[in-house]
């Protein structure tokens, strides 16, 4: 068995994102949220996620969204709970670990954890009217 490679290219990011969302769609804890918000057509969401993670992990240009605002908007439609965030991070970490190993892979898990905590905090603040971004 050969050692796993690190995340190095935009193609690696696409493999990671596609693998992660394949798990998410079927997940009993969070799948319904994504399936309700995104539906069956992921052709808009996935390229945004490629850009987001490409920017975060490889410093590639392209992502111009606001992840915090998006999650606040989602929370208003379908309340996000601590279990949702934890499951998201668990699936992300498992996906990274199953595909890649190295400094950037470790950073992918680290950044995801930091973002999860930031987004959950900002969503809570928005709920209490103490926003924000």
N, C-alpha and C. Protein backbone atom coordinates (compact mmCIF):
# COMPACT_ATOMS: atom_id res chain seq x y z
N UNK A 1 0.84 -1.19 0.00
CA UNK A 1 0.00 0.00 0.00
C UNK A 1 0.88 1.25 0.00
N UNK A 2 0.66 2.11 -0.97
CA UNK A 2 1.50 3.31 -1.04
C UNK A 2 0.95 4.40 -0.13
N UNK A 3 1.84 5.26 0.36
CA UNK A 3 1.39 6.32 1.26
C UNK A 3 0.47 7.32 0.54
N UNK A 4 -0.44 7.91 1.31
CA UNK A 4 -1.34 8.90 0.73
C UNK A 4 -0.59 10.19 0.46
N UNK A 5 -1.02 10.89 -0.56
CA UNK A 5 -0.44 12.18 -0.93
C UNK A 5 -1.16 13.29 -0.18
N UNK A 6 -0.54 14.45 -0.16
CA UNK A 6 -1.16 15.63 0.43
C UNK A 6 -2.06 16.31 -0.61
N UNK A 7 -2.84 17.24 -0.15
CA UNK A 7 -3.69 18.06 -1.03
C UNK A 7 -2.76 19.08 -1.69
N UNK A 8 -2.66 19.01 -3.03
CA UNK A 8 -1.70 19.88 -3.72
C UNK A 8 -2.31 20.71 -4.85
N UNK A 9 -3.36 20.18 -5.45
CA UNK A 9 -3.90 20.81 -6.65
C UNK A 9 -5.39 21.08 -6.51
N UNK A 10 -5.90 21.88 -7.43
CA UNK A 10 -7.33 22.13 -7.47
C UNK A 10 -8.10 20.83 -7.71
N UNK A 11 -7.51 19.92 -8.46
CA UNK A 11 -8.15 18.62 -8.70
C UNK A 11 -8.26 17.84 -7.38
N UNK A 12 -7.25 17.92 -6.54
CA UNK A 12 -7.32 17.29 -5.21
C UNK A 12 -8.47 17.88 -4.40
N UNK A 13 -8.62 19.19 -4.47
CA UNK A 13 -9.71 19.86 -3.75
C UNK A 13 -11.05 19.35 -4.27
N UNK A 14 -11.18 19.21 -5.57
CA UNK A 14 -12.44 18.70 -6.15
C UNK A 14 -12.74 17.29 -5.67
N UNK A 15 -11.73 16.44 -5.63
CA UNK A 15 -11.91 15.06 -5.15
C UNK A 15 -12.38 15.09 -3.70
N UNK A 16 -11.75 15.91 -2.89
CA UNK A 16 -12.13 16.03 -1.48
C UNK A 16 -13.56 16.52 -1.32
N UNK A 17 -13.90 17.60 -2.00
CA UNK A 17 -15.24 18.18 -1.89
C UNK A 17 -16.30 17.21 -2.42
N UNK A 18 -16.06 16.60 -3.56
CA UNK A 18 -17.03 15.65 -4.12
C UNK A 18 -17.23 14.45 -3.18
N UNK A 19 -16.15 13.94 -2.65
CA UNK A 19 -16.24 12.79 -1.74
C UNK A 19 -16.99 13.17 -0.46
N UNK A 20 -16.69 14.34 0.06
CA UNK A 20 -17.34 14.83 1.28
C UNK A 20 -18.84 14.97 1.07
N UNK A 21 -19.25 15.65 0.02
CA UNK A 21 -20.68 15.87 -0.20
C UNK A 21 -21.42 14.60 -0.59
N UNK A 22 -20.73 13.62 -1.16
CA UNK A 22 -21.38 12.33 -1.40
C UNK A 22 -21.78 11.70 -0.06
N UNK A 23 -20.92 11.84 0.94
CA UNK A 23 -21.24 11.35 2.29
C UNK A 23 -22.35 12.18 2.93
N UNK A 24 -22.24 13.49 2.79
CA UNK A 24 -23.21 14.40 3.41
C UNK A 24 -24.62 14.11 2.92
N UNK A 25 -24.77 13.94 1.63
CA UNK A 25 -26.11 13.72 1.05
C UNK A 25 -26.82 12.53 1.66
N UNK A 26 -26.06 11.51 2.05
CA UNK A 26 -26.65 10.29 2.59
C UNK A 26 -26.70 10.28 4.11
N UNK A 27 -26.13 11.27 4.74
CA UNK A 27 -25.99 11.26 6.20
C UNK A 27 -27.33 11.48 6.90
N UNK A 28 -27.58 10.69 7.92
CA UNK A 28 -28.85 10.76 8.66
C UNK A 28 -28.98 12.02 9.51
N UNK A 29 -27.85 12.59 9.93
CA UNK A 29 -27.90 13.76 10.82
C UNK A 29 -28.02 15.07 10.04
N UNK A 30 -27.25 15.22 8.97
CA UNK A 30 -27.24 16.51 8.26
C UNK A 30 -27.67 16.44 6.81
N UNK A 31 -27.80 15.25 6.27
CA UNK A 31 -28.15 15.13 4.85
C UNK A 31 -29.42 15.86 4.48
N UNK A 32 -30.43 15.77 5.33
CA UNK A 32 -31.71 16.40 5.02
C UNK A 32 -31.60 17.92 4.87
N UNK A 33 -30.70 18.54 5.61
CA UNK A 33 -30.53 20.00 5.51
C UNK A 33 -30.01 20.36 4.12
N UNK A 34 -28.95 19.69 3.71
CA UNK A 34 -28.37 19.96 2.39
C UNK A 34 -29.35 19.61 1.29
N UNK A 35 -30.04 18.48 1.43
CA UNK A 35 -30.99 18.06 0.40
C UNK A 35 -32.17 19.02 0.30
N UNK A 36 -32.59 19.58 1.41
CA UNK A 36 -33.68 20.56 1.41
C UNK A 36 -33.23 21.89 0.80
N UNK A 37 -32.09 22.37 1.22
CA UNK A 37 -31.60 23.68 0.76
C UNK A 37 -31.12 23.61 -0.69
N UNK A 38 -30.37 22.58 -1.02
CA UNK A 38 -29.76 22.49 -2.35
C UNK A 38 -30.63 21.71 -3.33
N UNK A 39 -31.33 20.70 -2.83
CA UNK A 39 -32.16 19.88 -3.72
C UNK A 39 -31.33 18.87 -4.49
N UNK A 40 -31.77 18.55 -5.69
CA UNK A 40 -31.09 17.54 -6.50
C UNK A 40 -30.01 18.14 -7.41
N UNK A 41 -30.03 19.44 -7.60
CA UNK A 41 -29.08 20.08 -8.52
C UNK A 41 -27.94 20.73 -7.74
N UNK A 42 -26.84 20.03 -7.69
CA UNK A 42 -25.66 20.52 -6.95
C UNK A 42 -24.70 21.28 -7.86
N UNK A 43 -25.10 21.53 -9.11
CA UNK A 43 -24.21 22.16 -10.08
C UNK A 43 -23.83 23.59 -9.71
N UNK A 44 -24.60 24.23 -8.86
CA UNK A 44 -24.25 25.58 -8.41
C UNK A 44 -23.39 25.50 -7.14
N UNK A 45 -23.77 24.65 -6.20
CA UNK A 45 -23.10 24.57 -4.90
C UNK A 45 -21.67 24.05 -4.99
N UNK A 46 -21.46 22.96 -5.72
CA UNK A 46 -20.14 22.34 -5.75
C UNK A 46 -19.04 23.27 -6.27
N UNK A 47 -19.24 23.99 -7.38
CA UNK A 47 -18.19 24.90 -7.82
C UNK A 47 -17.86 25.99 -6.78
N UNK A 48 -18.85 26.42 -6.04
CA UNK A 48 -18.59 27.40 -4.97
C UNK A 48 -17.70 26.76 -3.90
N UNK A 49 -17.98 25.52 -3.57
CA UNK A 49 -17.17 24.82 -2.56
C UNK A 49 -15.76 24.53 -3.08
N UNK A 50 -15.62 24.24 -4.38
CA UNK A 50 -14.27 24.06 -4.95
C UNK A 50 -13.49 25.37 -4.79
N UNK A 51 -14.14 26.48 -5.11
CA UNK A 51 -13.47 27.77 -4.99
C UNK A 51 -13.14 28.10 -3.53
N UNK A 52 -14.12 27.87 -2.65
CA UNK A 52 -13.91 28.16 -1.24
C UNK A 52 -12.71 27.40 -0.69
N UNK A 53 -12.72 26.07 -0.85
CA UNK A 53 -11.63 25.27 -0.29
C UNK A 53 -10.33 25.46 -1.06
N UNK A 54 -10.40 25.76 -2.33
CA UNK A 54 -9.19 26.09 -3.09
C UNK A 54 -8.54 27.36 -2.56
N UNK A 55 -9.36 28.33 -2.20
CA UNK A 55 -8.85 29.57 -1.62
C UNK A 55 -8.28 29.31 -0.23
N UNK A 56 -9.03 28.59 0.60
CA UNK A 56 -8.62 28.33 1.98
C UNK A 56 -7.35 27.49 2.04
N UNK A 57 -7.27 26.45 1.23
CA UNK A 57 -6.17 25.49 1.36
C UNK A 57 -4.98 25.75 0.45
N UNK A 58 -5.24 26.29 -0.73
CA UNK A 58 -4.17 26.45 -1.71
C UNK A 58 -3.93 27.90 -2.10
N UNK A 59 -4.64 28.82 -1.45
CA UNK A 59 -4.53 30.26 -1.74
C UNK A 59 -4.85 30.57 -3.19
N UNK A 60 -5.76 29.78 -3.79
CA UNK A 60 -6.18 30.05 -5.17
C UNK A 60 -7.23 31.17 -5.16
N UNK A 61 -7.20 32.03 -6.17
CA UNK A 61 -8.21 33.08 -6.23
C UNK A 61 -9.57 32.51 -6.63
N UNK A 62 -10.62 33.26 -6.36
CA UNK A 62 -11.92 32.85 -6.88
C UNK A 62 -13.08 32.96 -5.92
N UNK A 63 -12.90 32.59 -4.66
CA UNK A 63 -14.04 32.61 -3.76
C UNK A 63 -14.36 34.04 -3.33
N UNK A 64 -15.63 34.42 -3.49
CA UNK A 64 -16.04 35.77 -3.13
C UNK A 64 -17.29 35.79 -2.25
N UNK A 65 -17.68 34.67 -1.73
CA UNK A 65 -18.90 34.59 -0.94
C UNK A 65 -18.70 34.99 0.51
N UNK A 66 -19.77 34.83 1.28
CA UNK A 66 -19.74 35.11 2.71
C UNK A 66 -20.36 33.90 3.42
N UNK A 67 -19.51 33.00 3.87
CA UNK A 67 -19.98 31.75 4.47
C UNK A 67 -20.82 31.99 5.71
N UNK A 68 -20.45 32.99 6.50
CA UNK A 68 -21.21 33.28 7.72
C UNK A 68 -22.62 33.72 7.37
N UNK A 69 -22.75 34.67 6.48
CA UNK A 69 -24.08 35.17 6.09
C UNK A 69 -24.92 34.04 5.51
N UNK A 70 -24.32 33.18 4.72
CA UNK A 70 -25.05 32.07 4.11
C UNK A 70 -25.61 31.14 5.18
N UNK A 71 -24.82 30.84 6.20
CA UNK A 71 -25.28 29.94 7.25
C UNK A 71 -26.33 30.59 8.15
N UNK A 72 -26.24 31.89 8.32
CA UNK A 72 -27.29 32.60 9.07
C UNK A 72 -28.60 32.52 8.31
N UNK A 73 -28.52 32.69 7.01
CA UNK A 73 -29.71 32.57 6.14
C UNK A 73 -30.30 31.16 6.22
N UNK A 74 -29.45 30.16 6.16
CA UNK A 74 -29.92 28.76 6.25
C UNK A 74 -30.56 28.50 7.61
N UNK A 75 -29.95 29.01 8.67
CA UNK A 75 -30.47 28.82 10.03
C UNK A 75 -31.88 29.38 10.18
N UNK A 76 -32.18 30.43 9.47
CA UNK A 76 -33.53 31.00 9.54
C UNK A 76 -34.56 30.08 8.91
N UNK A 77 -34.15 29.29 7.93
CA UNK A 77 -35.05 28.32 7.28
C UNK A 77 -35.11 27.00 8.03
N UNK A 78 -33.96 26.56 8.49
CA UNK A 78 -33.83 25.26 9.16
C UNK A 78 -32.82 25.43 10.28
N UNK A 79 -33.27 25.54 11.51
CA UNK A 79 -32.34 25.81 12.61
C UNK A 79 -31.17 24.81 12.67
N UNK A 80 -29.98 25.38 12.72
CA UNK A 80 -28.76 24.57 12.81
C UNK A 80 -28.45 24.32 14.28
N UNK A 81 -28.16 23.06 14.59
CA UNK A 81 -27.92 22.66 15.98
C UNK A 81 -26.47 22.20 16.15
N UNK A 82 -26.05 22.13 17.40
CA UNK A 82 -24.68 21.70 17.69
C UNK A 82 -24.37 20.34 17.06
N UNK A 83 -25.34 19.42 17.12
CA UNK A 83 -25.14 18.09 16.52
C UNK A 83 -24.87 18.18 15.02
N UNK A 84 -25.50 19.14 14.36
CA UNK A 84 -25.28 19.32 12.93
C UNK A 84 -23.84 19.73 12.66
N UNK A 85 -23.37 20.71 13.41
CA UNK A 85 -21.99 21.17 13.22
C UNK A 85 -20.99 20.06 13.51
N UNK A 86 -21.22 19.33 14.59
CA UNK A 86 -20.30 18.24 14.97
C UNK A 86 -20.27 17.14 13.90
N UNK A 87 -21.43 16.81 13.36
CA UNK A 87 -21.48 15.78 12.33
C UNK A 87 -20.80 16.25 11.05
N UNK A 88 -21.01 17.51 10.71
CA UNK A 88 -20.34 18.08 9.53
C UNK A 88 -18.83 17.94 9.68
N UNK A 89 -18.30 18.32 10.84
CA UNK A 89 -16.86 18.25 11.08
C UNK A 89 -16.37 16.81 11.09
N UNK A 90 -17.14 15.92 11.67
CA UNK A 90 -16.78 14.50 11.71
C UNK A 90 -16.66 13.95 10.29
N UNK A 91 -17.66 14.23 9.45
CA UNK A 91 -17.63 13.74 8.07
C UNK A 91 -16.48 14.35 7.29
N UNK A 92 -16.22 15.64 7.51
CA UNK A 92 -15.11 16.32 6.82
C UNK A 92 -13.78 15.67 7.21
N UNK A 93 -13.58 15.48 8.50
CA UNK A 93 -12.33 14.91 9.00
C UNK A 93 -12.14 13.49 8.47
N UNK A 94 -13.19 12.68 8.52
CA UNK A 94 -13.11 11.32 7.98
C UNK A 94 -12.78 11.32 6.49
N UNK A 95 -13.38 12.25 5.76
CA UNK A 95 -13.13 12.32 4.32
C UNK A 95 -11.69 12.71 4.04
N UNK A 96 -11.22 13.74 4.71
CA UNK A 96 -9.82 14.16 4.53
C UNK A 96 -8.89 12.98 4.84
N UNK A 97 -9.09 12.36 6.01
CA UNK A 97 -8.22 11.27 6.44
C UNK A 97 -8.26 10.06 5.51
N UNK A 98 -9.37 9.85 4.84
CA UNK A 98 -9.48 8.69 3.94
C UNK A 98 -8.81 8.92 2.59
N UNK A 99 -8.52 10.18 2.28
CA UNK A 99 -7.99 10.51 0.95
C UNK A 99 -6.59 11.10 0.94
N UNK A 100 -6.23 11.84 1.98
CA UNK A 100 -4.99 12.61 1.96
C UNK A 100 -4.26 12.53 3.29
N UNK A 101 -2.96 12.80 3.23
CA UNK A 101 -2.16 12.92 4.44
C UNK A 101 -1.06 13.94 4.18
N UNK A 102 -0.81 14.78 5.16
CA UNK A 102 0.24 15.78 5.02
C UNK A 102 -0.15 17.10 5.65
N UNK A 103 0.69 18.08 5.42
CA UNK A 103 0.51 19.39 6.03
C UNK A 103 -0.78 20.08 5.61
N UNK A 104 -1.10 20.05 4.33
CA UNK A 104 -2.32 20.72 3.84
C UNK A 104 -3.56 19.94 4.29
N UNK A 105 -3.47 18.63 4.31
CA UNK A 105 -4.59 17.82 4.81
C UNK A 105 -4.86 18.15 6.27
N UNK A 106 -3.80 18.27 7.06
CA UNK A 106 -3.97 18.67 8.46
C UNK A 106 -4.58 20.07 8.56
N UNK A 107 -4.14 20.95 7.69
CA UNK A 107 -4.69 22.31 7.68
C UNK A 107 -6.17 22.29 7.28
N UNK A 108 -6.55 21.40 6.39
CA UNK A 108 -7.96 21.28 5.98
C UNK A 108 -8.83 20.94 7.18
N UNK A 109 -8.36 20.04 8.03
CA UNK A 109 -9.12 19.66 9.23
C UNK A 109 -9.12 20.79 10.25
N UNK A 110 -7.99 21.43 10.40
CA UNK A 110 -7.86 22.55 11.33
C UNK A 110 -8.78 23.71 10.94
N UNK A 111 -8.70 24.10 9.69
CA UNK A 111 -9.52 25.22 9.20
C UNK A 111 -11.00 24.90 9.31
N UNK A 112 -11.38 23.67 9.01
CA UNK A 112 -12.78 23.28 9.11
C UNK A 112 -13.27 23.42 10.55
N UNK A 113 -12.46 23.01 11.49
CA UNK A 113 -12.83 23.12 12.90
C UNK A 113 -12.98 24.58 13.31
N UNK A 114 -12.03 25.41 12.91
CA UNK A 114 -12.11 26.84 13.23
C UNK A 114 -13.35 27.48 12.61
N UNK A 115 -13.63 27.14 11.35
CA UNK A 115 -14.81 27.69 10.67
C UNK A 115 -16.10 27.22 11.32
N UNK A 116 -16.14 25.96 11.70
CA UNK A 116 -17.33 25.43 12.35
C UNK A 116 -17.63 26.23 13.62
N UNK A 117 -16.61 26.47 14.41
CA UNK A 117 -16.80 27.21 15.66
C UNK A 117 -17.20 28.67 15.39
N UNK A 118 -16.55 29.29 14.43
CA UNK A 118 -16.88 30.68 14.08
C UNK A 118 -18.31 30.79 13.57
N UNK A 119 -18.67 29.93 12.64
CA UNK A 119 -20.02 29.99 12.06
C UNK A 119 -21.08 29.71 13.10
N UNK A 120 -20.86 28.71 13.95
CA UNK A 120 -21.87 28.41 14.98
C UNK A 120 -22.02 29.59 15.94
N UNK A 121 -20.91 30.23 16.29
CA UNK A 121 -20.97 31.40 17.17
C UNK A 121 -21.72 32.56 16.51
N UNK A 122 -21.42 32.82 15.25
CA UNK A 122 -22.07 33.92 14.53
C UNK A 122 -23.56 33.64 14.31
N UNK A 123 -23.92 32.39 14.07
CA UNK A 123 -25.33 32.03 13.92
C UNK A 123 -26.06 32.28 15.23
N UNK A 124 -25.46 31.87 16.33
CA UNK A 124 -26.06 32.12 17.65
C UNK A 124 -26.22 33.62 17.92
N UNK A 125 -25.21 34.39 17.57
CA UNK A 125 -25.28 35.84 17.76
C UNK A 125 -26.41 36.44 16.93
N UNK A 126 -26.55 35.98 15.70
CA UNK A 126 -27.60 36.48 14.82
C UNK A 126 -28.98 36.14 15.38
N UNK A 127 -29.12 34.96 15.95
CA UNK A 127 -30.40 34.56 16.55
C UNK A 127 -30.81 35.51 17.69
N UNK A 128 -29.82 35.96 18.43
CA UNK A 128 -30.11 36.83 19.57
C UNK A 128 -30.06 38.31 19.19
N UNK A 129 -29.91 38.58 17.90
CA UNK A 129 -29.91 39.95 17.41
C UNK A 129 -28.61 40.70 17.63
N UNK A 130 -27.54 39.99 17.94
CA UNK A 130 -26.25 40.63 18.21
C UNK A 130 -25.28 40.42 17.06
N UNK A 131 -25.75 40.60 15.89
CA UNK A 131 -24.95 40.31 14.71
C UNK A 131 -23.77 41.28 14.62
N UNK A 132 -22.63 41.13 14.15
CA UNK A 132 -22.01 40.25 13.28
C UNK A 132 -20.83 40.27 12.39
N UNK A 133 -21.08 40.14 11.07
CA UNK A 133 -20.07 39.63 10.18
C UNK A 133 -18.90 40.49 10.32
